[in-house]
N, C-alpha and C. Protein backbone atom coordinates (compact mmCIF):
# COMPACT_ATOMS: atom_id res chain seq x y z
N MET A 1 -6.59 -4.71 7.66
CA MET A 1 -7.40 -5.37 6.67
C MET A 1 -8.83 -4.91 6.87
N THR A 2 -9.48 -4.57 5.82
CA THR A 2 -10.87 -4.12 5.92
C THR A 2 -11.81 -5.25 5.53
N GLY A 3 -13.06 -5.10 5.89
CA GLY A 3 -14.05 -6.10 5.53
C GLY A 3 -14.04 -7.27 6.50
N ASP A 4 -14.86 -8.26 6.16
CA ASP A 4 -14.95 -9.45 6.99
C ASP A 4 -13.70 -10.32 6.81
N TRP A 5 -13.22 -10.86 7.91
CA TRP A 5 -12.09 -11.78 7.85
C TRP A 5 -12.20 -12.77 8.98
N THR A 6 -11.66 -13.91 8.75
CA THR A 6 -11.47 -14.90 9.80
C THR A 6 -10.00 -15.32 9.73
N THR A 7 -9.51 -15.82 10.82
CA THR A 7 -8.11 -16.26 10.85
C THR A 7 -7.88 -17.34 9.80
N ARG A 8 -8.78 -18.27 9.69
CA ARG A 8 -8.66 -19.33 8.70
C ARG A 8 -8.59 -18.75 7.29
N ALA A 9 -9.46 -17.82 6.97
CA ALA A 9 -9.47 -17.22 5.62
C ALA A 9 -8.18 -16.46 5.34
N VAL A 10 -7.65 -15.76 6.34
CA VAL A 10 -6.39 -15.03 6.16
C VAL A 10 -5.25 -16.01 5.87
N ILE A 11 -5.18 -17.10 6.61
CA ILE A 11 -4.13 -18.10 6.40
C ILE A 11 -4.27 -18.73 5.01
N GLU A 12 -5.48 -19.04 4.61
CA GLU A 12 -5.69 -19.61 3.29
C GLU A 12 -5.29 -18.62 2.18
N ARG A 13 -5.61 -17.35 2.38
CA ARG A 13 -5.20 -16.34 1.38
C ARG A 13 -3.68 -16.17 1.36
N TYR A 14 -3.05 -16.25 2.52
CA TYR A 14 -1.60 -16.18 2.62
C TYR A 14 -0.95 -17.24 1.73
N TRP A 15 -1.39 -18.49 1.90
CA TRP A 15 -0.78 -19.57 1.11
C TRP A 15 -1.14 -19.47 -0.36
N SER A 16 -2.34 -19.06 -0.65
CA SER A 16 -2.75 -18.89 -2.05
C SER A 16 -1.90 -17.83 -2.74
N ALA A 17 -1.68 -16.72 -2.06
CA ALA A 17 -0.85 -15.64 -2.63
C ALA A 17 0.59 -16.10 -2.78
N ALA A 18 1.11 -16.85 -1.81
CA ALA A 18 2.49 -17.35 -1.91
C ALA A 18 2.62 -18.29 -3.09
N GLN A 19 1.70 -19.24 -3.23
CA GLN A 19 1.75 -20.19 -4.32
C GLN A 19 1.66 -19.48 -5.68
N ALA A 20 0.84 -18.42 -5.76
CA ALA A 20 0.67 -17.67 -7.00
C ALA A 20 1.79 -16.67 -7.25
N ARG A 21 2.70 -16.51 -6.27
CA ARG A 21 3.77 -15.51 -6.34
C ARG A 21 3.17 -14.10 -6.51
N ASP A 22 2.00 -13.89 -5.88
CA ASP A 22 1.36 -12.58 -5.89
C ASP A 22 1.84 -11.84 -4.64
N TRP A 23 3.01 -11.21 -4.76
CA TRP A 23 3.65 -10.63 -3.59
C TRP A 23 2.93 -9.40 -3.07
N ASP A 24 2.17 -8.70 -3.91
CA ASP A 24 1.37 -7.58 -3.42
C ASP A 24 0.25 -8.10 -2.51
N ALA A 25 -0.46 -9.14 -2.96
CA ALA A 25 -1.53 -9.72 -2.14
C ALA A 25 -0.96 -10.34 -0.87
N PHE A 26 0.18 -11.00 -0.99
CA PHE A 26 0.85 -11.61 0.16
C PHE A 26 1.19 -10.53 1.19
N GLY A 27 1.83 -9.46 0.75
CA GLY A 27 2.22 -8.37 1.64
C GLY A 27 1.04 -7.69 2.29
N ALA A 28 -0.08 -7.62 1.58
CA ALA A 28 -1.28 -6.96 2.12
C ALA A 28 -1.86 -7.71 3.32
N LEU A 29 -1.48 -8.97 3.50
CA LEU A 29 -1.97 -9.77 4.62
C LEU A 29 -1.10 -9.63 5.87
N LEU A 30 0.03 -8.95 5.73
CA LEU A 30 1.02 -8.86 6.81
C LEU A 30 0.96 -7.53 7.54
N ALA A 31 1.10 -7.57 8.85
CA ALA A 31 1.25 -6.35 9.64
C ALA A 31 2.60 -5.73 9.30
N PRO A 32 2.72 -4.41 9.38
CA PRO A 32 4.00 -3.77 9.04
C PRO A 32 5.18 -4.32 9.84
N GLY A 33 4.97 -4.69 11.09
CA GLY A 33 6.05 -5.19 11.93
C GLY A 33 6.08 -6.71 12.06
N VAL A 34 5.54 -7.42 11.09
CA VAL A 34 5.49 -8.88 11.15
C VAL A 34 6.87 -9.46 11.49
N VAL A 35 6.86 -10.52 12.29
CA VAL A 35 8.09 -11.23 12.64
C VAL A 35 7.93 -12.68 12.20
N TYR A 36 8.90 -13.15 11.42
CA TYR A 36 8.91 -14.52 10.92
C TYR A 36 10.10 -15.25 11.51
N GLU A 37 9.87 -16.45 12.05
CA GLU A 37 10.96 -17.22 12.65
C GLU A 37 11.00 -18.64 12.12
N LEU A 38 12.23 -19.13 11.94
CA LEU A 38 12.50 -20.51 11.55
C LEU A 38 13.40 -21.11 12.63
N PRO A 39 12.84 -21.81 13.62
CA PRO A 39 13.67 -22.34 14.69
C PRO A 39 14.78 -23.28 14.21
N GLN A 40 14.54 -24.07 13.16
CA GLN A 40 15.56 -25.02 12.71
C GLN A 40 16.81 -24.33 12.19
N THR A 41 16.66 -23.20 11.54
CA THR A 41 17.83 -22.49 11.00
C THR A 41 18.24 -21.32 11.88
N ARG A 42 17.47 -21.09 12.94
CA ARG A 42 17.74 -19.98 13.85
C ARG A 42 17.74 -18.64 13.10
N GLU A 43 16.77 -18.47 12.21
CA GLU A 43 16.65 -17.22 11.45
C GLU A 43 15.39 -16.48 11.88
N ARG A 44 15.49 -15.17 11.82
CA ARG A 44 14.36 -14.29 12.13
C ARG A 44 14.33 -13.19 11.07
N VAL A 45 13.16 -12.92 10.54
CA VAL A 45 12.97 -11.83 9.58
C VAL A 45 11.99 -10.85 10.21
N ARG A 46 12.35 -9.58 10.20
CA ARG A 46 11.49 -8.55 10.81
C ARG A 46 11.00 -7.58 9.75
N GLY A 47 9.70 -7.35 9.75
CA GLY A 47 9.11 -6.34 8.89
C GLY A 47 8.53 -6.89 7.60
N ARG A 48 7.46 -6.25 7.15
CA ARG A 48 6.73 -6.67 5.96
C ARG A 48 7.61 -6.73 4.72
N GLU A 49 8.33 -5.67 4.44
CA GLU A 49 9.13 -5.61 3.22
C GLU A 49 10.18 -6.73 3.19
N ALA A 50 10.89 -6.92 4.29
CA ALA A 50 11.92 -7.97 4.33
C ALA A 50 11.30 -9.35 4.19
N TYR A 51 10.15 -9.57 4.81
CA TYR A 51 9.52 -10.89 4.75
C TYR A 51 8.98 -11.20 3.35
N VAL A 52 8.43 -10.20 2.69
CA VAL A 52 7.98 -10.41 1.31
C VAL A 52 9.19 -10.74 0.43
N ARG A 53 10.27 -9.99 0.57
CA ARG A 53 11.48 -10.26 -0.21
C ARG A 53 12.05 -11.63 0.09
N PHE A 54 12.05 -12.03 1.36
CA PHE A 54 12.53 -13.34 1.77
C PHE A 54 11.82 -14.43 0.98
N ASN A 55 10.51 -14.32 0.85
CA ASN A 55 9.73 -15.31 0.11
C ASN A 55 9.91 -15.18 -1.39
N ALA A 56 9.91 -13.95 -1.89
CA ALA A 56 10.06 -13.74 -3.33
C ALA A 56 11.41 -14.21 -3.83
N GLU A 57 12.44 -14.11 -3.00
CA GLU A 57 13.79 -14.48 -3.40
C GLU A 57 14.16 -15.91 -3.03
N TYR A 58 13.22 -16.68 -2.47
CA TYR A 58 13.55 -18.04 -2.05
C TYR A 58 14.07 -18.83 -3.24
N PRO A 59 15.21 -19.49 -3.10
CA PRO A 59 15.83 -20.16 -4.25
C PRO A 59 15.09 -21.44 -4.67
N GLY A 60 15.24 -21.76 -5.92
CA GLY A 60 14.70 -23.01 -6.45
C GLY A 60 13.27 -22.88 -6.92
N ALA A 61 12.86 -23.90 -7.66
CA ALA A 61 11.48 -23.98 -8.13
C ALA A 61 10.67 -24.66 -7.03
N TRP A 62 9.82 -23.90 -6.35
CA TRP A 62 9.09 -24.44 -5.22
C TRP A 62 7.58 -24.31 -5.40
N ARG A 63 6.88 -25.16 -4.66
CA ARG A 63 5.42 -25.04 -4.59
C ARG A 63 4.98 -25.53 -3.22
N VAL A 64 3.85 -25.03 -2.80
CA VAL A 64 3.32 -25.41 -1.50
C VAL A 64 1.90 -25.93 -1.68
N THR A 65 1.60 -27.00 -0.96
CA THR A 65 0.25 -27.55 -0.93
C THR A 65 -0.22 -27.49 0.52
N VAL A 66 -1.37 -26.90 0.73
CA VAL A 66 -1.92 -26.81 2.08
C VAL A 66 -2.72 -28.07 2.35
N GLU A 67 -2.32 -28.80 3.37
CA GLU A 67 -3.00 -30.04 3.75
C GLU A 67 -4.17 -29.75 4.70
N ARG A 68 -3.94 -28.82 5.65
CA ARG A 68 -4.98 -28.53 6.63
C ARG A 68 -4.70 -27.19 7.30
N VAL A 69 -5.75 -26.47 7.64
CA VAL A 69 -5.66 -25.24 8.43
C VAL A 69 -6.60 -25.37 9.61
N VAL A 70 -6.09 -25.08 10.79
CA VAL A 70 -6.89 -25.06 12.01
C VAL A 70 -6.71 -23.67 12.62
N ALA A 71 -7.82 -23.03 12.94
CA ALA A 71 -7.73 -21.66 13.45
C ALA A 71 -8.86 -21.37 14.43
N GLU A 72 -8.55 -20.47 15.35
CA GLU A 72 -9.56 -19.94 16.27
C GLU A 72 -9.11 -18.56 16.69
N GLU A 73 -10.06 -17.71 16.93
CA GLU A 73 -9.78 -16.32 17.30
C GLU A 73 -8.67 -15.77 16.42
N ARG A 74 -7.54 -15.38 17.01
CA ARG A 74 -6.47 -14.75 16.21
C ARG A 74 -5.23 -15.64 16.11
N ARG A 75 -5.42 -16.93 16.26
CA ARG A 75 -4.30 -17.87 16.14
C ARG A 75 -4.68 -18.99 15.18
N GLY A 76 -3.67 -19.49 14.46
CA GLY A 76 -3.94 -20.59 13.56
C GLY A 76 -2.67 -21.33 13.22
N VAL A 77 -2.85 -22.51 12.66
CA VAL A 77 -1.72 -23.33 12.23
C VAL A 77 -2.08 -23.98 10.90
N SER A 78 -1.08 -24.11 10.05
CA SER A 78 -1.29 -24.82 8.79
C SER A 78 -0.29 -25.96 8.70
N TRP A 79 -0.75 -27.05 8.13
CA TRP A 79 0.10 -28.18 7.80
C TRP A 79 0.26 -28.13 6.29
N THR A 80 1.49 -28.07 5.82
CA THR A 80 1.74 -27.95 4.39
C THR A 80 2.69 -29.04 3.91
N SER A 81 2.70 -29.22 2.61
CA SER A 81 3.73 -30.00 1.92
C SER A 81 4.45 -29.01 1.04
N PHE A 82 5.73 -28.85 1.26
CA PHE A 82 6.54 -27.88 0.54
C PHE A 82 7.48 -28.65 -0.38
N THR A 83 7.39 -28.37 -1.67
CA THR A 83 8.22 -29.05 -2.66
C THR A 83 9.17 -28.04 -3.28
N VAL A 84 10.46 -28.34 -3.22
CA VAL A 84 11.46 -27.50 -3.85
C VAL A 84 12.44 -28.40 -4.59
N ASP A 85 12.61 -28.11 -5.85
CA ASP A 85 13.53 -28.88 -6.70
C ASP A 85 13.29 -30.38 -6.59
N GLY A 86 12.02 -30.79 -6.54
CA GLY A 86 11.67 -32.21 -6.55
C GLY A 86 11.58 -32.89 -5.20
N ASP A 87 12.07 -32.27 -4.14
CA ASP A 87 11.99 -32.85 -2.80
C ASP A 87 10.81 -32.25 -2.05
N THR A 88 10.00 -33.11 -1.42
CA THR A 88 8.83 -32.65 -0.68
C THR A 88 9.01 -32.95 0.80
N VAL A 89 8.74 -31.94 1.63
CA VAL A 89 8.80 -32.09 3.08
C VAL A 89 7.54 -31.49 3.69
N PRO A 90 7.09 -32.08 4.81
CA PRO A 90 5.95 -31.49 5.50
C PRO A 90 6.42 -30.30 6.35
N GLY A 91 5.52 -29.40 6.61
CA GLY A 91 5.82 -28.27 7.47
C GLY A 91 4.62 -27.87 8.30
N LEU A 92 4.89 -27.31 9.46
CA LEU A 92 3.85 -26.72 10.30
C LEU A 92 4.16 -25.24 10.43
N CYS A 93 3.16 -24.42 10.24
CA CYS A 93 3.34 -22.98 10.28
C CYS A 93 2.30 -22.38 11.24
N PHE A 94 2.80 -21.72 12.28
CA PHE A 94 1.93 -21.12 13.29
C PHE A 94 1.81 -19.62 13.03
N PHE A 95 0.60 -19.10 13.13
CA PHE A 95 0.30 -17.71 12.84
C PHE A 95 -0.40 -17.05 14.03
N THR A 96 -0.13 -15.76 14.24
CA THR A 96 -0.99 -14.93 15.08
C THR A 96 -1.34 -13.70 14.26
N LEU A 97 -2.55 -13.22 14.48
CA LEU A 97 -3.04 -12.03 13.78
C LEU A 97 -3.25 -10.92 14.79
N ASP A 98 -3.09 -9.69 14.32
CA ASP A 98 -3.35 -8.54 15.18
C ASP A 98 -4.85 -8.23 15.18
N GLY A 99 -5.24 -7.19 15.88
CA GLY A 99 -6.64 -6.82 15.99
C GLY A 99 -7.28 -6.37 14.69
N ASP A 100 -6.46 -6.06 13.68
CA ASP A 100 -6.98 -5.67 12.38
C ASP A 100 -7.05 -6.84 11.40
N GLY A 101 -6.70 -8.02 11.86
CA GLY A 101 -6.75 -9.19 10.99
C GLY A 101 -5.53 -9.37 10.12
N LEU A 102 -4.43 -8.69 10.47
CA LEU A 102 -3.18 -8.83 9.72
C LEU A 102 -2.26 -9.80 10.47
N ILE A 103 -1.49 -10.55 9.72
CA ILE A 103 -0.57 -11.52 10.31
C ILE A 103 0.58 -10.76 10.96
N ASP A 104 0.78 -10.99 12.27
CA ASP A 104 1.89 -10.29 12.93
C ASP A 104 3.02 -11.21 13.38
N THR A 105 2.77 -12.53 13.48
CA THR A 105 3.87 -13.46 13.69
C THR A 105 3.62 -14.73 12.88
N VAL A 106 4.73 -15.28 12.38
CA VAL A 106 4.71 -16.55 11.65
C VAL A 106 5.91 -17.35 12.15
N THR A 107 5.67 -18.60 12.54
CA THR A 107 6.76 -19.48 12.95
C THR A 107 6.62 -20.77 12.17
N ASP A 108 7.66 -21.10 11.39
CA ASP A 108 7.68 -22.31 10.56
C ASP A 108 8.49 -23.40 11.23
N PHE A 109 7.96 -24.61 11.25
CA PHE A 109 8.67 -25.78 11.74
C PHE A 109 8.77 -26.80 10.63
N TRP A 110 9.99 -27.29 10.40
CA TRP A 110 10.27 -28.29 9.38
C TRP A 110 10.77 -29.53 10.10
N PRO A 111 10.76 -30.69 9.43
CA PRO A 111 11.06 -31.94 10.14
C PRO A 111 12.48 -32.07 10.67
N GLU A 112 13.44 -31.46 10.04
CA GLU A 112 14.83 -31.61 10.44
C GLU A 112 15.53 -30.26 10.47
N PRO A 113 16.47 -30.07 11.40
CA PRO A 113 17.30 -28.86 11.36
C PRO A 113 18.13 -28.85 10.08
N TYR A 114 18.40 -27.68 9.56
CA TYR A 114 19.21 -27.57 8.36
C TYR A 114 19.88 -26.20 8.33
N GLU A 115 20.91 -26.10 7.56
CA GLU A 115 21.57 -24.81 7.37
C GLU A 115 20.83 -24.05 6.29
N PRO A 116 20.61 -22.76 6.48
CA PRO A 116 19.85 -21.99 5.49
C PRO A 116 20.63 -21.85 4.19
N PRO A 117 19.91 -21.73 3.08
CA PRO A 117 20.59 -21.51 1.81
C PRO A 117 21.33 -20.17 1.82
N ALA A 118 22.41 -20.10 1.10
CA ALA A 118 23.17 -18.85 0.98
C ALA A 118 22.36 -17.82 0.21
N GLY A 119 22.66 -16.56 0.47
CA GLY A 119 22.07 -15.48 -0.30
C GLY A 119 20.92 -14.75 0.35
N ARG A 120 20.55 -15.12 1.56
CA ARG A 120 19.47 -14.38 2.22
C ARG A 120 19.92 -13.70 3.50
N GLU A 121 21.22 -13.62 3.68
CA GLU A 121 21.78 -13.01 4.88
C GLU A 121 21.34 -11.56 5.05
N HIS A 122 21.08 -10.86 3.95
CA HIS A 122 20.67 -9.46 4.00
C HIS A 122 19.25 -9.27 4.54
N LEU A 123 18.50 -10.37 4.68
CA LEU A 123 17.11 -10.28 5.12
C LEU A 123 16.88 -10.85 6.51
N VAL A 124 17.85 -11.58 7.05
CA VAL A 124 17.62 -12.29 8.30
C VAL A 124 18.64 -11.92 9.37
N GLU A 125 18.25 -12.20 10.60
CA GLU A 125 19.21 -12.18 11.71
C GLU A 125 19.26 -13.60 12.24
N ARG A 126 20.41 -14.04 12.67
CA ARG A 126 20.55 -15.39 13.24
C ARG A 126 20.49 -15.28 14.75
N TYR A 127 19.90 -16.25 15.40
CA TYR A 127 19.83 -16.29 16.87
C TYR A 127 20.22 -17.63 17.38
């Protein structure tokens, strides 16, 4: 990423791009080797292209509201409200950025364990 950046600003742009379904802007914030993990579903997505597709193909009509972002140096966390098909759940999302200001790890925590929706097996590995 070129220009001035802060971890907080990168996280805010990440969520803004996701909410707008601007997958080019979303992908531009990610390191090529980004790793995304969901401990509740035991899923891991590796790489920018797969992670962008994972989000672009997420089923249902969803929206995200950012409640709070806390960040320092190259680490940050966001508290969100995620609404899909009328149900809203809180989430915590932890980020680390590389030396260029690109997101290189994302770990999402949701309130309850759940089985992942069908149809994304081509993008994830289970652990």
